[in-house]
Amino acid sequence: MKKIIVKLNDRSYPIFIGKNILSNKELIKKINCNNFAIVTNKKIKNLHFSKIKNTSLKKNVILLNDGEKYKNQDSISKIYNFLLKNKFSRDGCIVAFGGGVIGDMSGFAAATYQRGINFIQIPTTLLAMVDSSVGGKTGINHALGKNMIGSFHQPSAVIIDTEVLKTLSDRQFNAGMAEVIKYGIIEDKTFFKWLSANTEKIKSKDTDAMIKIIKKSCEIKAKIVAMDEKEKNIRALLNLGHTFGHAIENNLGYGKWLHGEAIACGFLIASTVAIQNKTMKVEEYESIKKILEAFNLPTKLPKGVRLKKLYETMSLDKKVKDSKMVYIIPRGIGSAYITNKIKKGLVINALNKHV
């Protein structure tokens, strides 16, 4: 079992990564909680509930509907109702057992119930393991924008068991790989090269490969979060492709494209802007495109999406400051920068190249 610490002073917490670690009863004993409520959905419960050997985690179960379209206030109210009816107090703890949607909603409920209670992340998708379960971003969607209602609320621990990935569909797994690839683009060229050279090993869900990519991804994210917990500056680098991706998800209707699919397309749009700004070589763009194609991730915008409406949706993004769009642009593979000085014409041109 590997262990990483997200260093946030008195709110620091561990990330545990390993094979079959959900059967480790001792992991939960370190969490200072008297009562647990596990939030999940029927699919995850049927597939993986038996793997959790600590029975105290399974006494109270809140089942939510499965899918991005249910990441809303109605689902949050269902969690609140359960906690109130079962007299949960501030020493209670919510356990998020599922993918990014379950994790984001559970975290938001934990952040707001009685002004904040503990929660634990047990992610069951690759995307959640390498991204949404780490860093304390929680929230729900609004009809006008993704993740527009939320809070920063760090978990008490993150427990990642690679065995649950074996039941993940290829599409869900590949969507998670988009976030893994992102870390190589923004931070680590050597890691990107390793990913490119080991696509078949990764697609086979080889245990050693899984632990390597999850550990490396979490290390990069933990380092960035420790420097900028509430995304005042450098943490925004983690949003490479997300301004474009969130707009795609919103315009298509949440759930039509998976989050990882949408941001993968966003990587290439941002990279095209970089080429126009002469911070990225065409060969690097092609390398990114090649690895995305290896994992069956989209490299073109979905058919039927209107560029004008897409751009308008982007203007509602959380990263807009002083009425200026903020973009994360690659500076070649292995580095990226944050800027609000990208002209609209360059962005429209980059979008057009991916129709």
Protein backbone atom coordinates (compact mmCIF):
# COMPACT_ATOMS: atom_id res chain seq x y z
CA MET A 1 0.00 0.00 0.00
CA LYS A 2 1.24 3.47 -0.93
CA LYS A 3 0.54 6.56 1.16
CA ILE A 4 0.59 10.21 0.12
CA ILE A 5 -0.06 13.17 2.42
CA VAL A 6 -1.90 16.25 1.17
CA LYS A 7 -0.13 18.91 3.24
CA LEU A 8 -2.61 21.53 4.47
CA ASN A 9 -1.37 22.16 8.04
CA ASP A 10 -4.03 21.05 10.54
CA ARG A 11 -6.26 19.86 7.66
CA SER A 12 -3.66 17.57 6.12
CA TYR A 13 -4.91 14.12 5.20
CA PRO A 14 -3.66 10.82 3.79
CA ILE A 15 -4.33 9.20 0.43
CA PHE A 16 -4.02 5.42 0.62
CA ILE A 17 -3.47 3.53 -2.66
CA GLY A 18 -3.29 -0.23 -3.06
CA LYS A 19 -4.83 -3.51 -4.12
CA ASN A 20 -7.70 -4.91 -2.01
CA ILE A 21 -7.25 -2.25 0.69
CA LEU A 22 -11.02 -1.93 1.22
CA SER A 23 -10.70 -5.11 3.24
CA ASN A 24 -8.32 -3.33 5.65
CA LYS A 25 -10.46 -2.61 8.73
CA GLU A 26 -7.73 -0.52 10.40
CA LEU A 27 -7.80 2.31 7.84
CA ILE A 28 -11.12 3.70 9.08
CA LYS A 29 -10.29 3.47 12.78
CA LYS A 30 -8.04 6.52 12.49
CA ILE A 31 -10.95 8.75 11.46
CA ASN A 32 -12.42 10.58 14.46
CA CYS A 33 -16.12 9.91 13.84
CA ASN A 34 -18.87 8.32 15.91
CA ASN A 35 -21.35 7.69 13.12
CA PHE A 36 -20.93 7.00 9.41
CA ALA A 37 -23.32 7.43 6.48
CA ILE A 38 -22.17 5.98 3.18
CA VAL A 39 -23.42 7.69 0.00
CA THR A 40 -23.45 5.56 -3.13
CA ASN A 41 -25.72 4.32 -5.93
CA LYS A 42 -27.29 0.92 -6.64
CA LYS A 43 -24.74 -0.05 -9.27
CA ILE A 44 -21.72 0.61 -7.02
CA LYS A 45 -23.44 -1.02 -4.04
CA ASN A 46 -24.10 -4.20 -6.01
CA LEU A 47 -20.61 -4.34 -7.47
CA HIS A 48 -18.39 -3.36 -4.56
CA PHE A 49 -20.19 -3.17 -1.21
CA SER A 50 -18.96 -6.62 -0.22
CA LYS A 51 -15.33 -5.45 -0.54
CA ILE A 52 -15.73 -3.10 2.46
CA LYS A 53 -14.98 -5.19 5.53
CA ASN A 54 -15.45 -2.49 8.17
CA THR A 55 -19.11 -2.99 9.10
CA SER A 56 -19.40 0.39 10.85
CA LEU A 57 -19.21 2.02 7.41
CA LYS A 58 -22.19 0.07 6.10
CA LYS A 59 -24.79 0.67 8.81
CA ASN A 60 -26.30 3.77 7.17
CA VAL A 61 -26.65 3.77 3.39
CA ILE A 62 -27.91 6.66 1.23
CA LEU A 63 -28.65 5.56 -2.34
CA LEU A 64 -28.64 8.28 -5.02
CA ASN A 65 -29.48 8.05 -8.71
CA ASP A 66 -26.56 7.37 -11.02
CA GLY A 67 -25.35 10.04 -13.44
CA GLU A 68 -24.22 13.63 -13.94
CA LYS A 69 -27.78 14.84 -14.53
CA TYR A 70 -28.58 13.98 -10.88
CA LYS A 71 -25.75 16.14 -9.54
CA ASN A 72 -28.23 18.70 -8.25
CA GLN A 73 -30.02 20.17 -5.26
CA ASP A 74 -32.60 17.37 -5.16
CA SER A 75 -29.88 14.80 -4.50
CA ILE A 76 -28.28 17.00 -1.84
CA SER A 77 -31.67 17.34 -0.12
CA LYS A 78 -31.96 13.54 -0.05
CA ILE A 79 -28.66 13.36 1.86
CA TYR A 80 -29.73 16.12 4.28
CA ASN A 81 -33.07 14.39 4.90
CA PHE A 82 -31.36 11.11 5.79
CA LEU A 83 -28.87 12.78 8.14
CA LEU A 84 -31.59 14.77 9.91
CA LYS A 85 -34.00 11.85 10.25
CA ASN A 86 -31.21 9.71 11.69
CA LYS A 87 -30.07 12.46 14.06
CA PHE A 88 -26.54 12.85 12.71
CA SER A 89 -24.56 15.42 14.67
CA ARG A 90 -21.29 17.22 13.99
CA ASP A 91 -19.25 14.18 15.01
CA GLY A 92 -20.79 12.21 12.12
CA CYS A 93 -18.99 11.40 8.89
CA ILE A 94 -20.16 11.03 5.30
CA VAL A 95 -18.41 8.39 3.19
CA ALA A 96 -18.47 9.01 -0.57
CA PHE A 97 -18.39 5.60 -2.26
CA GLY A 98 -18.54 6.08 -6.01
CA GLY A 99 -17.30 8.22 -8.87
CA GLY A 100 -16.86 11.96 -9.17
CA VAL A 101 -20.59 12.74 -9.06
CA ILE A 102 -21.06 10.89 -5.76
CA GLY A 103 -17.85 12.41 -4.38
CA ASP A 104 -18.73 15.99 -5.29
CA MET A 105 -22.25 15.75 -3.86
CA SER A 106 -21.17 13.94 -0.70
CA GLY A 107 -18.46 16.50 -0.08
CA PHE A 108 -20.86 19.39 -0.61
CA ALA A 109 -23.38 17.84 1.77
CA ALA A 110 -20.60 17.35 4.34
CA ALA A 111 -19.42 20.94 3.89
CA THR A 112 -22.88 22.38 4.50
CA TYR A 113 -24.59 20.00 6.94
CA GLN A 114 -24.46 21.67 10.38
CA ARG A 115 -21.83 24.00 8.84
CA GLY A 116 -19.41 21.20 8.19
CA ILE A 117 -18.79 17.57 9.14
CA ASN A 118 -16.07 15.09 8.19
CA PHE A 119 -16.14 13.00 5.05
CA ILE A 120 -14.07 10.25 3.48
CA GLN A 121 -13.56 9.66 -0.21
CA ILE A 122 -13.59 6.08 -1.53
CA PRO A 123 -13.49 6.68 -5.29
CA THR A 124 -14.53 3.87 -7.64
CA THR A 125 -13.64 5.39 -11.03
CA LEU A 126 -10.21 6.22 -12.37
CA LEU A 127 -11.26 9.84 -12.92
CA ALA A 128 -12.32 10.23 -9.31
CA MET A 129 -9.18 8.48 -8.05
CA VAL A 130 -6.76 10.78 -9.84
CA ASP A 131 -8.73 14.01 -9.68
CA SER A 132 -12.04 14.77 -8.00
CA SER A 133 -11.48 12.81 -4.77
CA VAL A 134 -8.35 14.84 -3.97
CA GLY A 135 -8.24 18.55 -3.20
CA GLY A 136 -11.53 19.35 -1.50
CA LYS A 137 -13.56 20.72 -4.40
CA THR A 138 -17.21 19.86 -3.84
CA GLY A 139 -20.42 20.97 -5.51
CA ILE A 140 -23.39 20.50 -7.77
CA ASN A 141 -24.41 21.64 -11.23
CA HIS A 142 -26.84 24.37 -12.22
CA ALA A 143 -28.79 24.51 -15.47
CA LEU A 144 -26.61 27.46 -16.52
CA GLY A 145 -23.24 25.98 -15.61
CA LYS A 146 -21.30 23.01 -14.27
CA ASN A 147 -20.12 23.04 -10.64
CA MET A 148 -21.39 26.59 -10.15
CA ILE A 149 -22.65 25.86 -6.61
CA GLY A 150 -20.15 24.39 -4.19
CA SER A 151 -17.55 24.72 -1.48
CA PHE A 152 -13.95 23.84 -0.67
CA HIS A 153 -14.11 21.11 1.98
CA GLN A 154 -11.18 18.72 2.40
CA PRO A 155 -11.81 15.04 3.12
CA SER A 156 -10.41 13.34 6.22
CA ALA A 157 -8.90 10.60 4.05
CA VAL A 158 -8.96 9.17 0.53
CA ILE A 159 -8.92 5.39 0.13
CA ILE A 160 -8.14 4.10 -3.36
CA ASP A 161 -8.48 0.39 -4.11
CA THR A 162 -7.26 -0.47 -7.60
CA GLU A 163 -9.31 -3.69 -7.69
CA VAL A 164 -12.57 -1.79 -8.23
CA LEU A 165 -11.25 -0.61 -11.59
CA LYS A 166 -11.65 -4.14 -12.99
CA THR A 167 -15.41 -3.65 -13.25
CA LEU A 168 -15.13 -0.22 -14.86
CA SER A 169 -16.28 0.01 -18.48
CA ASP A 170 -13.67 0.88 -21.12
CA ARG A 171 -15.44 4.17 -21.75
CA GLN A 172 -15.36 5.20 -18.08
CA PHE A 173 -11.75 4.07 -17.73
CA ASN A 174 -10.67 6.01 -20.81
CA ALA A 175 -12.46 9.11 -19.52
CA GLY A 176 -10.37 8.83 -16.37
CA MET A 177 -7.22 8.57 -18.43
CA ALA A 178 -7.91 12.07 -19.75
CA GLU A 179 -7.19 13.47 -16.28
CA VAL A 180 -4.06 11.31 -16.00
CA ILE A 181 -2.80 12.60 -19.37
CA LYS A 182 -3.53 16.15 -18.18
CA TYR A 183 -0.92 15.84 -15.43
CA GLY A 184 1.72 14.93 -17.97
CA ILE A 185 0.80 17.91 -20.17
CA ILE A 186 0.83 20.52 -17.40
CA GLU A 187 3.61 19.23 -15.15
CA ASP A 188 5.68 16.21 -16.18
CA LYS A 189 6.95 15.50 -19.67
CA THR A 190 8.68 12.28 -18.56
CA PHE A 191 5.38 10.97 -17.17
CA PHE A 192 3.63 11.89 -20.45
CA LYS A 193 6.25 9.93 -22.40
CA TRP A 194 5.81 6.92 -20.09
CA LEU A 195 2.05 7.01 -20.60
CA SER A 196 2.51 7.17 -24.38
CA ALA A 197 4.89 4.19 -24.31
CA ASN A 198 2.70 2.04 -22.04
CA THR A 199 -0.83 2.47 -23.40
CA GLU A 200 -1.44 -1.28 -23.82
CA LYS A 201 -0.24 -2.09 -20.31
CA ILE A 202 -2.47 0.65 -18.92
CA LYS A 203 -5.51 -0.50 -20.93
CA SER A 204 -5.08 -4.01 -19.50
CA LYS A 205 -5.46 -2.42 -16.01
CA ASP A 206 -2.17 -3.99 -14.90
CA THR A 207 -2.00 -3.49 -11.11
CA ASP A 208 1.51 -2.05 -11.05
CA ALA A 209 0.64 0.34 -13.87
CA MET A 210 -2.54 1.41 -12.09
CA ILE A 211 -0.73 2.12 -8.84
CA LYS A 212 1.96 4.04 -10.72
CA ILE A 213 -0.39 6.34 -12.64
CA ILE A 214 -2.71 6.93 -9.68
CA LYS A 215 0.19 7.65 -7.30
CA LYS A 216 1.91 10.01 -9.74
CA SER A 217 -1.34 11.85 -10.52
CA CYS A 218 -2.18 12.23 -6.83
CA GLU A 219 1.34 13.42 -6.02
CA ILE A 220 1.14 16.17 -8.64
CA LYS A 221 -2.32 17.24 -7.53
CA ALA A 222 -1.40 17.12 -3.83
CA LYS A 223 1.62 19.34 -4.46
CA ILE A 224 -0.43 21.93 -6.35
CA VAL A 225 -3.31 21.89 -3.83
CA ALA A 226 -0.84 22.39 -0.96
CA MET A 227 0.44 25.54 -2.70
CA ASP A 228 -3.00 26.93 -3.59
CA GLU A 229 -5.89 25.24 -1.84
CA LYS A 230 -8.68 27.58 -2.97
CA GLU A 231 -7.56 28.20 -6.52
CA LYS A 232 -6.37 31.78 -6.21
CA ASN A 233 -3.63 31.21 -8.78
CA ILE A 234 -1.55 28.11 -9.60
CA ARG A 235 -4.27 25.52 -8.84
CA ALA A 236 -6.11 26.74 -11.93
CA LEU A 237 -3.49 24.84 -13.97
CA LEU A 238 -5.42 21.68 -13.04
CA ASN A 239 -8.26 23.03 -15.19
CA LEU A 240 -6.48 22.52 -18.50
CA GLY A 241 -9.20 21.91 -21.08
CA HIS A 242 -11.97 22.38 -18.51
CA THR A 243 -13.29 25.76 -19.70
CA PHE A 244 -13.96 24.19 -23.09
CA GLY A 245 -14.98 20.83 -21.62
CA HIS A 246 -17.55 22.20 -19.16
CA ALA A 247 -19.14 24.24 -21.94
CA ILE A 248 -19.35 21.12 -24.12
CA GLU A 249 -21.03 19.16 -21.31
CA ASN A 250 -23.50 21.96 -20.68
CA ASN A 251 -24.39 22.46 -24.35
CA LEU A 252 -24.84 18.75 -25.04
CA GLY A 253 -26.78 18.12 -21.85
CA TYR A 254 -25.02 16.71 -18.80
CA GLY A 255 -24.16 13.04 -19.21
CA LYS A 256 -24.12 12.87 -23.04
CA TRP A 257 -20.34 13.13 -23.00
CA LEU A 258 -18.41 12.03 -19.94
CA HIS A 259 -16.37 14.71 -18.19
CA GLY A 260 -13.08 13.15 -19.28
CA GLU A 261 -14.23 13.00 -22.89
CA ALA A 262 -15.16 16.67 -22.89
CA ILE A 263 -11.92 17.91 -21.33
CA ALA A 264 -9.85 15.69 -23.66
CA CYS A 265 -11.28 17.61 -26.60
CA GLY A 266 -10.57 20.74 -24.57
CA PHE A 267 -6.86 19.83 -24.34
CA LEU A 268 -6.57 19.96 -28.11
CA ILE A 269 -8.47 23.24 -28.41
CA ALA A 270 -6.18 24.79 -25.77
CA SER A 271 -3.17 23.31 -27.57
CA THR A 272 -4.31 24.89 -30.84
CA VAL A 273 -4.44 28.25 -29.07
CA ALA A 274 -0.89 27.51 -27.83
CA ILE A 275 0.30 26.80 -31.37
CA GLN A 276 -1.20 30.10 -32.53
CA ASN A 277 0.61 31.83 -29.64
CA LYS A 278 3.83 29.97 -30.52
CA THR A 279 4.15 28.27 -27.10
CA MET A 280 3.63 24.77 -28.46
CA LYS A 281 5.01 22.88 -31.44
CA VAL A 282 2.70 21.13 -33.88
CA GLU A 283 4.50 17.85 -33.14
CA GLU A 284 3.54 18.16 -29.47
CA TYR A 285 -0.10 18.71 -30.45
CA GLU A 286 0.09 15.54 -32.53
CA SER A 287 1.58 13.61 -29.58
CA ILE A 288 -1.35 14.65 -27.40
CA LYS A 289 -3.83 13.78 -30.13
CA LYS A 290 -2.20 10.37 -30.60
CA ILE A 291 -2.46 9.36 -26.95
CA LEU A 292 -6.06 10.60 -26.75
CA GLU A 293 -6.90 8.47 -29.79
CA ALA A 294 -5.18 5.48 -28.14
CA PHE A 295 -7.75 5.73 -25.35
CA ASN A 296 -10.66 6.40 -27.73
CA LEU A 297 -11.09 9.95 -26.47
CA PRO A 298 -12.70 12.56 -28.73
CA THR A 299 -10.47 14.91 -30.70
CA LYS A 300 -13.33 16.80 -32.38
CA LEU A 301 -16.27 18.75 -31.01
CA PRO A 302 -19.57 16.86 -30.90
CA LYS A 303 -21.77 17.25 -33.96
CA GLY A 304 -24.51 19.81 -33.67
CA VAL A 305 -22.86 22.04 -31.08
CA ARG A 306 -23.09 25.71 -32.12
CA LEU A 307 -19.83 27.57 -31.59
CA LYS A 308 -21.51 30.86 -30.69
CA LYS A 309 -23.52 29.23 -27.92
CA LEU A 310 -20.46 27.28 -26.78
CA TYR A 311 -18.46 30.49 -26.42
CA GLU A 312 -21.33 32.17 -24.56
CA THR A 313 -21.41 29.27 -22.10
CA MET A 314 -17.66 29.58 -21.61
CA SER A 315 -18.18 33.20 -20.56
CA LEU A 316 -20.14 31.90 -17.53
CA ASP A 317 -17.17 29.80 -16.39
CA LYS A 318 -16.02 30.18 -12.76
CA LYS A 319 -12.58 31.26 -13.97
CA VAL A 320 -13.90 34.48 -15.56
CA LYS A 321 -12.37 37.45 -13.67
CA ASP A 322 -13.06 41.13 -14.21
CA SER A 323 -15.18 40.15 -17.23
CA LYS A 324 -12.13 38.53 -18.85
CA MET A 325 -11.93 34.88 -19.83
CA VAL A 326 -9.12 33.02 -18.08
CA TYR A 327 -7.51 30.16 -19.99
CA ILE A 328 -4.97 27.48 -19.15
CA ILE A 329 -2.65 27.13 -22.13
CA PRO A 330 0.15 24.54 -22.58
CA ARG A 331 3.69 25.80 -22.83
CA GLY A 332 4.69 22.64 -24.64
CA ILE A 333 4.25 19.22 -23.02
CA GLY A 334 5.24 19.37 -19.36
CA SER A 335 4.29 22.95 -18.58
CA ALA A 336 1.33 25.31 -18.80
CA TYR A 337 0.38 28.86 -17.87
CA ILE A 338 -2.69 30.86 -16.86
CA THR A 339 -3.68 33.88 -18.92
CA ASN A 340 -6.56 36.30 -19.51
CA LYS A 341 -4.97 37.75 -22.63
CA ILE A 342 -6.22 35.34 -25.29
CA LYS A 343 -8.19 37.18 -27.95
CA LYS A 344 -11.65 35.92 -28.84
CA GLY A 345 -10.64 35.45 -32.48
CA LEU A 346 -7.90 32.95 -31.54
CA VAL A 347 -10.34 30.94 -29.44
CA ILE A 348 -13.02 30.90 -32.17
CA ASN A 349 -10.39 29.84 -34.68
CA ALA A 350 -9.24 27.01 -32.38
CA LEU A 351 -12.85 25.87 -31.93
CA ASN A 352 -13.42 25.93 -35.68
CA LYS A 353 -10.41 23.66 -36.23
CA HIS A 354 -12.10 20.99 -34.12
CA VAL A 355 -15.56 20.98 -35.72
